[in-house]
C-alpha atoms as a PDB file:
ATOM      1  CA  MET A   1     -26.723 -19.806 -29.279  1.00  0.00           C
ATOM      2  CA  GLU A   2     -26.995 -17.364 -31.935  1.00  0.00           C
ATOM      3  CA  ASP A   3     -27.263 -14.511 -29.542  1.00  0.00           C
ATOM      4  CA  LEU A   4     -24.169 -15.776 -27.774  1.00  0.00           C
ATOM      5  CA  MET A   5     -22.204 -15.842 -31.147  1.00  0.00           C
ATOM      6  CA  THR A   6     -23.346 -12.271 -31.969  1.00  0.00           C
ATOM      7  CA  ALA A   7     -22.285 -10.981 -28.510  1.00  0.00           C
ATOM      8  CA  GLY A   8     -19.004 -12.737 -28.730  1.00  0.00           C
ATOM      9  CA  ALA A   9     -18.332 -11.059 -31.877  1.00  0.00           C
ATOM     10  CA  LEU A  10     -18.614  -7.509 -30.450  1.00  0.00           C
ATOM     11  CA  ILE A  11     -15.603  -7.255 -28.401  1.00  0.00           C
ATOM     12  CA  PRO A  12     -13.202  -7.647 -31.275  1.00  0.00           C
ATOM     13  CA  ARG A  13     -14.999  -4.606 -32.956  1.00  0.00           C
ATOM     14  CA  PHE A  14     -14.598  -2.266 -30.014  1.00  0.00           C
ATOM     15  CA  GLN A  15     -12.799   0.910 -31.012  1.00  0.00           C
ATOM     16  CA  LEU A  16     -11.150   2.780 -27.976  1.00  0.00           C
ATOM     17  CA  SER A  17     -11.870   6.496 -27.442  1.00  0.00           C
ATOM     18  CA  LYS A  18     -10.594   7.033 -24.186  1.00  0.00           C
ATOM     19  CA  LEU A  19     -10.118   5.539 -20.578  1.00  0.00           C
ATOM     20  CA  LEU A  20     -12.948   6.759 -18.217  1.00  0.00           C
ATOM     21  CA  ASN A  21     -11.687   5.214 -14.965  1.00  0.00           C
ATOM     22  CA  GLN A  22      -9.204   3.209 -13.208  1.00  0.00           C
ATOM     23  CA  ASP A  23     -10.341   1.811  -9.793  1.00  0.00           C
ATOM     24  CA  GLN A  24      -9.826  -1.096  -7.336  1.00  0.00           C
ATOM     25  CA  GLY A  25      -6.214  -0.356  -7.219  1.00  0.00           C
ATOM     26  CA  GLY A  26      -5.841  -0.463 -10.860  1.00  0.00           C
ATOM     27  CA  ARG A  27      -7.251  -3.857 -11.242  1.00  0.00           C
ATOM     28  CA  ARG A  28     -10.343  -2.672 -13.141  1.00  0.00           C
ATOM     29  CA  ILE A  29     -10.689  -0.037 -16.050  1.00  0.00           C
ATOM     30  CA  THR A  30     -13.667   1.439 -17.779  1.00  0.00           C
ATOM     31  CA  LEU A  31     -13.094   2.302 -21.370  1.00  0.00           C
ATOM     32  CA  LEU A  32     -15.139   4.542 -23.802  1.00  0.00           C
ATOM     33  CA  GLY A  33     -15.452   3.599 -27.431  1.00  0.00           C
ATOM     34  CA  THR A  34     -17.524   2.639 -30.260  1.00  0.00           C
ATOM     35  CA  ILE A  35     -18.799  -0.372 -31.962  1.00  0.00           C
ATOM     36  CA  ASP A  36     -19.788   0.212 -35.498  1.00  0.00           C
ATOM     37  CA  SER A  37     -19.999   3.836 -34.793  1.00  0.00           C
ATOM     38  CA  SER A  38     -22.345   3.422 -31.919  1.00  0.00           C
ATOM     39  CA  PRO A  39     -21.082   4.585 -28.319  1.00  0.00           C
ATOM     40  CA  ALA A  40     -20.000   1.523 -26.077  1.00  0.00           C
ATOM     41  CA  LEU A  41     -18.750   1.241 -22.567  1.00  0.00           C
ATOM     42  CA  LEU A  42     -16.163  -1.710 -21.840  1.00  0.00           C
ATOM     43  CA  THR A  43     -15.180  -2.596 -18.298  1.00  0.00           C
ATOM     44  CA  ALA A  44     -12.281  -4.947 -17.773  1.00  0.00           C
ATOM     45  CA  GLU A  45     -11.420  -6.645 -14.386  1.00  0.00           C
ATOM     46  CA  ARG A  46      -8.561  -8.873 -13.567  1.00  0.00           C
ATOM     47  CA  ALA A  47      -9.720 -12.465 -12.866  1.00  0.00           C
ATOM     48  CA  ALA A  48      -8.940 -14.307  -9.714  1.00  0.00           C
ATOM     49  CA  PHE A  49      -5.807 -16.108  -9.245  1.00  0.00           C
ATOM     50  CA  PRO A  50      -5.892 -19.873  -9.615  1.00  0.00           C
ATOM     51  CA  THR A  51      -6.018 -22.074  -6.734  1.00  0.00           C
ATOM     52  CA  ASP A  52      -5.093 -25.455  -8.293  1.00  0.00           C
ATOM     53  CA  ALA A  53      -2.167 -26.928  -6.512  1.00  0.00           C
ATOM     54  CA  GLU A  54      -0.339 -27.630 -10.009  1.00  0.00           C
ATOM     55  CA  GLU A  55      -0.850 -24.163 -11.329  1.00  0.00           C
ATOM     56  CA  LEU A  56       0.442 -22.663  -7.946  1.00  0.00           C
ATOM     57  CA  ARG A  57       3.538 -24.710  -7.937  1.00  0.00           C
ATOM     58  CA  ALA A  58       4.324 -23.344 -11.426  1.00  0.00           C
ATOM     59  CA  PHE A  59       3.257 -19.758 -10.511  1.00  0.00           C
ATOM     60  CA  HIS A  60       6.774 -18.390  -9.592  1.00  0.00           C
ATOM     61  CA  ALA A  61       8.599 -20.010 -12.490  1.00  0.00           C
ATOM     62  CA  SER A  62       6.300 -18.302 -14.963  1.00  0.00           C
ATOM     63  CA  LEU A  63       7.220 -14.710 -13.595  1.00  0.00           C
ATOM     64  CA  ALA A  64       9.321 -12.672 -16.073  1.00  0.00           C
ATOM     65  CA  ASN A  65      10.940  -9.221 -15.706  1.00  0.00           C
ATOM     66  CA  ILE A  66      11.161  -9.423 -12.080  1.00  0.00           C
ATOM     67  CA  ASN A  67      12.415  -5.781 -10.694  1.00  0.00           C
ATOM     68  CA  ASN A  68      13.260  -5.310  -7.219  1.00  0.00           C
ATOM     69  CA  LEU A  69      11.883  -2.059  -5.832  1.00  0.00           C
ATOM     70  CA  GLY A  70      13.453  -2.188  -2.567  1.00  0.00           C
ATOM     71  CA  ALA A  71      14.381  -4.239   0.653  1.00  0.00           C
ATOM     72  CA  ASN A  72      14.434  -3.794   4.308  1.00  0.00           C
ATOM     73  CA  ASP A  73      15.377  -6.391   6.920  1.00  0.00           C
ATOM     74  CA  ILE A  74      13.400  -9.613   5.885  1.00  0.00           C
ATOM     75  CA  TYR A  75      11.132  -7.576   3.639  1.00  0.00           C
ATOM     76  CA  SER A  76      11.506  -7.233  -0.193  1.00  0.00           C
ATOM     77  CA  TRP A  77       9.225  -5.930  -2.863  1.00  0.00           C
ATOM     78  CA  TYR A  78       9.138  -6.338  -6.618  1.00  0.00           C
ATOM     79  CA  LEU A  79       7.308  -5.662  -9.834  1.00  0.00           C
ATOM     80  CA  ALA A  80       6.981  -8.374 -12.203  1.00  0.00           C
ATOM     81  CA  SER A  81       5.263  -9.665 -15.402  1.00  0.00           C
ATOM     82  CA  THR A  82       3.292 -12.848 -16.108  1.00  0.00           C
ATOM     83  CA  ARG A  83       3.731 -12.317 -19.722  1.00  0.00           C
ATOM     84  CA  PRO A  84       6.909 -13.525 -21.535  1.00  0.00           C
ATOM     85  CA  SER A  85       7.530 -10.697 -23.753  1.00  0.00           C
ATOM     86  CA  GLY A  86      10.303  -8.523 -22.528  1.00  0.00           C
ATOM     87  CA  ALA A  87       8.305  -5.328 -23.648  1.00  0.00           C
ATOM     88  CA  ALA A  88       5.447  -6.159 -21.612  1.00  0.00           C
ATOM     89  CA  PRO A  89       4.669  -3.761 -18.511  1.00  0.00           C
ATOM     90  CA  PRO A  90       4.604  -5.434 -15.143  1.00  0.00           C
ATOM     91  CA  ASP A  91       1.167  -6.529 -14.109  1.00  0.00           C
ATOM     92  CA  LEU A  92       2.011  -7.952 -10.759  1.00  0.00           C
ATOM     93  CA  LYS A  93       3.191  -6.373  -7.306  1.00  0.00           C
ATOM     94  CA  LEU A  94       5.133  -8.845  -5.186  1.00  0.00           C
ATOM     95  CA  ASN A  95       6.068  -8.753  -1.552  1.00  0.00           C
ATOM     96  CA  LEU A  96       8.502 -11.266  -0.228  1.00  0.00           C
ATOM     97  CA  ILE A  97       9.012 -12.054   3.527  1.00  0.00           C
ATOM     98  CA  TYR A  98      12.425 -14.270   3.823  1.00  0.00           C
ATOM     99  CA  PRO A  99      12.779 -15.714   6.382  1.00  0.00           C
ATOM    100  CA  CYS A 100       9.428 -15.688   7.590  1.00  0.00           C
ATOM    101  CA  THR A 101       8.363 -16.564  11.125  1.00  0.00           C
ATOM    102  CA  GLU A 102       5.287 -18.585  12.463  1.00  0.00           C
ATOM    103  CA  GLN A 103       3.862 -15.155  13.288  1.00  0.00           C
ATOM    104  CA  HIS A 104       3.929 -14.129   9.708  1.00  0.00           C
ATOM    105  CA  ILE A 105       2.457 -17.496   8.645  1.00  0.00           C
ATOM    106  CA  LYS A 106      -0.442 -16.901  11.100  1.00  0.00           C
ATOM    107  CA  LYS A 107      -1.027 -13.269  10.103  1.00  0.00           C
ATOM    108  CA  TYR A 108      -1.331 -13.883   6.360  1.00  0.00           C
ATOM    109  CA  SER A 109      -3.369 -17.235   6.685  1.00  0.00           C
ATOM    110  CA  ARG A 110      -7.077 -17.127   6.285  1.00  0.00           C
ATOM    111  CA  GLN A 111      -8.689 -16.551   9.529  1.00  0.00           C
ATOM    112  CA  ALA A 112     -11.803 -15.424  11.251  1.00  0.00           C
ATOM    113  CA  VAL A 113     -12.301 -11.762  12.017  1.00  0.00           C
ATOM    114  CA  ARG A 114     -13.902 -10.418  15.100  1.00  0.00           C
ATOM    115  CA  MET A 115     -14.737  -6.954  16.452  1.00  0.00           C
ATOM    116  CA  VAL A 116     -13.184  -6.342  19.732  1.00  0.00           C
ATOM    117  CA  THR A 117     -13.694  -3.276  21.987  1.00  0.00           C
ATOM    118  CA  GLU A 118     -10.470  -2.479  23.664  1.00  0.00           C
ATOM    119  CA  THR A 119     -10.683  -1.233  27.288  1.00  0.00           C
ATOM    120  CA  PRO A 120      -7.880   0.220  29.380  1.00  0.00           C
ATOM    121  CA  GLU A 121      -7.839  -3.036  31.220  1.00  0.00           C
ATOM    122  CA  ILE A 122      -7.427  -5.073  27.901  1.00  0.00           C
ATOM    123  CA  TYR A 123      -4.836  -2.736  26.735  1.00  0.00           C
ATOM    124  CA  ALA A 124      -2.702  -2.963  29.956  1.00  0.00           C
ATOM    125  CA  GLU A 125      -3.062  -6.751  30.302  1.00  0.00           C
ATOM    126  CA  HIS A 126      -2.770  -7.853  26.570  1.00  0.00           C
ATOM    127  CA  VAL A 127      -2.130  -5.076  23.879  1.00  0.00           C
ATOM    128  CA  ARG A 128       0.757  -3.478  25.611  1.00  0.00           C
ATOM    129  CA  PRO A 129       2.627  -6.565  26.594  1.00  0.00           C
ATOM    130  CA  SER A 130       2.063  -7.808  23.037  1.00  0.00           C
ATOM    131  CA  MET A 131       3.636  -4.555  21.654  1.00  0.00           C
ATOM    132  CA  GLN A 132       6.580  -4.970  23.995  1.00  0.00           C
ATOM    133  CA  ARG A 133       7.233  -8.633  22.850  1.00  0.00           C
ATOM    134  CA  LYS A 134       7.128  -7.463  19.113  1.00  0.00           C
ATOM    135  CA  ARG A 135       9.872  -4.731  19.831  1.00  0.00           C
ATOM    136  CA  GLU A 136      11.923  -7.383  21.766  1.00  0.00           C
ATOM    137  CA  GLU A 137      11.661  -9.781  19.058  1.00  0.00           C
ATOM    138  CA  GLY A 138      12.950  -7.299  16.343  1.00  0.00           C
ATOM    139  CA  ARG A 139       9.484  -7.078  14.675  1.00  0.00           C
ATOM    140  CA  LEU A 140      10.247  -3.340  14.270  1.00  0.00           C
ATOM    141  CA  ASN A 141      13.848  -3.501  12.885  1.00  0.00           C
ATOM    142  CA  TRP A 142      12.446  -2.269   9.646  1.00  0.00           C
ATOM    143  CA  VAL A 143      11.059   0.897  10.972  1.00  0.00           C
ATOM    144  CA  TRP A 144      14.288   1.500  13.030  1.00  0.00           C
ATOM    145  CA  ASN A 145      16.282   1.020   9.899  1.00  0.00           C
ATOM    146  CA  ILE A 146      14.385   3.651   8.055  1.00  0.00           C
ATOM    147  CA  ILE A 147      14.422   6.228  10.765  1.00  0.00           C
ATOM    148  CA  ASP A 148      18.244   5.614  11.400  1.00  0.00           C
ATOM    149  CA  GLY A 149      19.119   6.016   7.693  1.00  0.00           C
ATOM    150  CA  ARG A 150      20.366   2.501   7.125  1.00  0.00           C
ATOM    151  CA  THR A 151      17.834   1.489   4.385  1.00  0.00           C
ATOM    152  CA  GLU A 152      15.269   2.982   1.974  1.00  0.00           C
ATOM    153  CA  GLN A 153      16.841   6.382   2.175  1.00  0.00           C
ATOM    154  CA  GLU A 154      16.509   6.890  -1.541  1.00  0.00           C
ATOM    155  CA  ASP A 155      12.804   6.413  -1.231  1.00  0.00           C
ATOM    156  CA  VAL A 156      12.078   8.948   1.546  1.00  0.00           C
ATOM    157  CA  LEU A 157       9.979  11.732  -0.020  1.00  0.00           C
ATOM    158  CA  LEU A 158       9.785  13.980   3.041  1.00  0.00           C
ATOM    159  CA  ARG A 159      11.832  14.368   6.169  1.00  0.00           C
ATOM    160  CA  ASP A 160      10.528  16.992   8.695  1.00  0.00           C
ATOM    161  CA  HIS A 161      12.348  18.022  12.014  1.00  0.00           C
ATOM    162  CA  GLY A 162       8.883  19.091  13.530  1.00  0.00           C
ATOM    163  CA  SER A 163       7.144  22.569  13.991  1.00  0.00           C
ATOM    164  CA  LYS A 164       9.742  23.758  16.388  1.00  0.00           C
ATOM    165  CA  GLY A 165      12.812  21.622  15.297  1.00  0.00           C
ATOM    166  CA  ALA A 166      12.577  19.513  18.583  1.00  0.00           C
ATOM    167  CA  ASP A 167      14.441  16.283  18.747  1.00  0.00           C
ATOM    168  CA  ASP A 168      11.360  14.412  19.444  1.00  0.00           C
ATOM    169  CA  GLU A 169       9.008  15.824  16.682  1.00  0.00           C
ATOM    170  CA  GLY A 170      10.892  14.604  13.534  1.00  0.00           C
ATOM    171  CA  PHE A 171       8.973  12.453  10.992  1.00  0.00           C
ATOM    172  CA  LEU A 172       9.569  11.128   7.539  1.00  0.00           C
ATOM    173  CA  MET A 173       7.185   9.918   4.593  1.00  0.00           C
ATOM    174  CA  LEU A 174       8.011   7.343   1.907  1.00  0.00           C
ATOM    175  CA  PRO A 175       5.832   4.932  -0.283  1.00  0.00           C
ATOM    176  CA  ASP A 176       4.247   2.015   1.428  1.00  0.00           C
ATOM    177  CA  LEU A 177       5.475  -1.328   0.426  1.00  0.00           C
ATOM    178  CA  ASN A 178       2.164  -2.396  -0.775  1.00  0.00           C
ATOM    179  CA  TRP A 179       1.863   0.332  -3.444  1.00  0.00           C
ATOM    180  CA  ASP A 180       3.404  -0.308  -6.890  1.00  0.00           C
ATOM    181  CA  ARG A 181       4.510   3.302  -7.077  1.00  0.00           C
ATOM    182  CA  LYS A 182       2.891   3.955 -10.218  1.00  0.00           C
ATOM    183  CA  THR A 183      -0.857   3.392 -10.026  1.00  0.00           C
ATOM    184  CA  ILE A 184      -2.025   7.039  -8.717  1.00  0.00           C
ATOM    185  CA  SER A 185      -5.527   5.692  -7.994  1.00  0.00           C
ATOM    186  CA  SER A 186      -4.041   3.410  -5.298  1.00  0.00           C
ATOM    187  CA  LEU A 187      -1.449   5.705  -3.948  1.00  0.00           C
ATOM    188  CA  HIS A 188      -0.468   4.561  -0.535  1.00  0.00           C
ATOM    189  CA  LEU A 189       2.124   6.477   1.375  1.00  0.00           C
ATOM    190  CA  LEU A 190       3.746   5.828   4.964  1.00  0.00           C
ATOM    191  CA  GLY A 191       4.574   8.466   7.496  1.00  0.00           C
ATOM    192  CA  ILE A 192       6.884   7.239  10.362  1.00  0.00           C
ATOM    193  CA  VAL A 193       7.523   9.482  13.438  1.00  0.00           C
ATOM    194  CA  GLU A 194      11.110   9.357  14.815  1.00  0.00           C
ATOM    195  CA  ARG A 195      10.347   9.385  18.448  1.00  0.00           C
ATOM    196  CA  ARG A 196      10.074   5.937  20.127  1.00  0.00           C
ATOM    197  CA  ASP A 197       7.974   6.704  23.317  1.00  0.00           C
ATOM    198  CA  ILE A 198       4.567   6.899  21.392  1.00  0.00           C
ATOM    199  CA  TRP A 199       3.514   3.350  20.951  1.00  0.00           C
ATOM    200  CA  SER A 200      -0.306   3.747  20.275  1.00  0.00           C
ATOM    201  CA  LEU A 201      -3.190   6.287  20.379  1.00  0.00           C
ATOM    202  CA  ARG A 202      -3.192   5.935  24.208  1.00  0.00           C
ATOM    203  CA  ASP A 203       0.231   7.631  24.602  1.00  0.00           C
ATOM    204  CA  LEU A 204      -0.992  10.815  22.829  1.00  0.00           C
ATOM    205  CA  LYS A 205      -1.672  13.809  25.150  1.00  0.00           C
ATOM    206  CA  LYS A 206      -3.150  17.284  24.688  1.00  0.00           C
ATOM    207  CA  LYS A 207       0.486  18.545  24.479  1.00  0.00           C
ATOM    208  CA  HIS A 208       0.963  16.689  21.234  1.00  0.00           C
ATOM    209  CA  VAL A 209      -1.814  18.357  19.373  1.00  0.00           C
ATOM    210  CA  GLY A 210       0.259  21.072  17.855  1.00  0.00           C
ATOM    211  CA  TRP A 211       2.730  18.544  16.612  1.00  0.00           C
ATOM    212  CA  LEU A 212      -0.083  16.410  15.096  1.00  0.00           C
ATOM    213  CA  LYS A 213      -1.489  19.285  13.275  1.00  0.00           C
ATOM    214  CA  HIS A 214       1.908  20.455  11.818  1.00  0.00           C
ATOM    215  CA  MET A 215       2.593  16.787  10.677  1.00  0.00           C
ATOM    216  CA  ARG A 216      -0.782  16.375   9.111  1.00  0.00           C
ATOM    217  CA  GLU A 217      -0.369  19.624   7.152  1.00  0.00           C
ATOM    218  CA  GLN A 218       3.170  18.797   6.050  1.00  0.00           C
ATOM    219  CA  LEU A 219       2.045  15.278   4.901  1.00  0.00           C
ATOM    220  CA  LEU A 220      -0.842  16.618   2.840  1.00  0.00           C
ATOM    221  CA  HIS A 221       1.256  19.532   1.440  1.00  0.00           C
ATOM    222  CA  ALA A 222       4.185  17.473   0.380  1.00  0.00           C
ATOM    223  CA  THR A 223       1.956  14.757  -1.252  1.00  0.00           C
ATOM    224  CA  ALA A 224      -0.017  17.248  -3.409  1.00  0.00           C
ATOM    225  CA  LYS A 225       3.305  18.721  -4.415  1.00  0.00           C
ATOM    226  CA  LEU A 226       4.830  15.611  -5.335  1.00  0.00           C
ATOM    227  CA  TYR A 227       1.922  14.097  -7.414  1.00  0.00           C
ATOM    228  CA  PRO A 228       0.426  16.455  -9.794  1.00  0.00           C
ATOM    229  CA  GLY A 229      -3.301  16.312 -10.042  1.00  0.00           C
ATOM    230  CA  ILE A 230      -3.755  15.449  -6.343  1.00  0.00           C
ATOM    231  CA  GLU A 231      -5.296  17.999  -4.044  1.00  0.00           C
ATOM    232  CA  LYS A 232      -5.264  17.920  -0.302  1.00  0.00           C
ATOM    233  CA  ASP A 233      -8.978  17.268  -0.027  1.00  0.00           C
ATOM    234  CA  MET A 234      -8.613  14.008  -2.030  1.00  0.00           C
ATOM    235  CA  LEU A 235      -6.322  12.568   0.674  1.00  0.00           C
ATOM    236  CA  LYS A 236      -7.163  10.532   3.842  1.00  0.00           C
ATOM    237  CA  LEU A 237      -4.769  10.282   6.771  1.00  0.00           C
ATOM    238  CA  TYR A 238      -5.066   7.643   9.506  1.00  0.00           C
ATOM    239  CA  MET A 239      -3.375   6.401  12.529  1.00  0.00           C
ATOM    240  CA  HIS A 240      -1.797   2.883  12.115  1.00  0.00           C
ATOM    241  CA  TRP A 241      -2.280   0.561  15.094  1.00  0.00           C
ATOM    242  CA  MET A 242      -0.257  -0.335  16.866  1.00  0.00           C
ATOM    243  CA  CYS A 243       3.378   0.396  16.369  1.00  0.00           C
ATOM    244  CA  HIS A 244       4.019   3.835  14.326  1.00  0.00           C
ATOM    245  CA  LEU A 245       1.870   6.678  12.655  1.00  0.00           C
ATOM    246  CA  ALA A 246       1.012   6.216   9.325  1.00  0.00           C
ATOM    247  CA  VAL A 247      -0.662   8.134   6.506  1.00  0.00           C
ATOM    248  CA  ASP A 248      -2.750   5.967   4.186  1.00  0.00           C
ATOM    249  CA  ILE A 249      -3.619   7.865   0.828  1.00  0.00           C
ATOM    250  CA  TYR A 250      -6.247   6.562  -1.390  1.00  0.00           C
ATOM    251  CA  ASP A 251      -9.221   7.446  -3.603  1.00  0.00           C
ATOM    252  CA  THR A 252      -7.242  10.245  -5.443  1.00  0.00           C
ATOM    253  CA  HIS A 253      -9.946  10.812  -8.176  1.00  0.00           C
END
């Protein structure tokens, strides 16, 4: 018990020297400091959200300083604070889907995950028809809204007309809705191609290689220019399955 009491008295005596690291999307920080003139490392990590029914019912009512970052179709995203003080910086990123569909509910519910090897037959019989249904149901309206200039135009960071200025080679880049737009260690940007004939990796051909290389170079160059301290070799780009090309940028330290 005495050891616990002694340990409990250490944290209040911690004197900060500097921030060493911020990771896990800004949810964990490591601080260098001193306790009684001796060096000390302090790591702080946000605790898990409560799952008690009563606390969850009161969760949304406890939010303060809700700031809308943007909206597109049925999707909206915000920053908010769980602390009542008006000067407190936001500590939550909120995404709202309204009205949501049964498909959204299934997507965001806890579910078993399995590894599947997609064959050409599986793609033709199951994947492609599923993609077609999503388009017909308007599930990609938020993408078309951005491309056609109806929403989020103030957020577009890059709009490029392709290596040769061809009508079918245009693309753009903007912050992904899952990024809070301030935590550089969790930087997450989205690139969208303007053409609508490429639905997946299976639609890419040899003739597209030059276009893909140009797009990759422009996305890397623009990101490094927009965010000081980030260099091209700190970034990772990947193709988003299934409906559009995406650039996911992370681990920028």
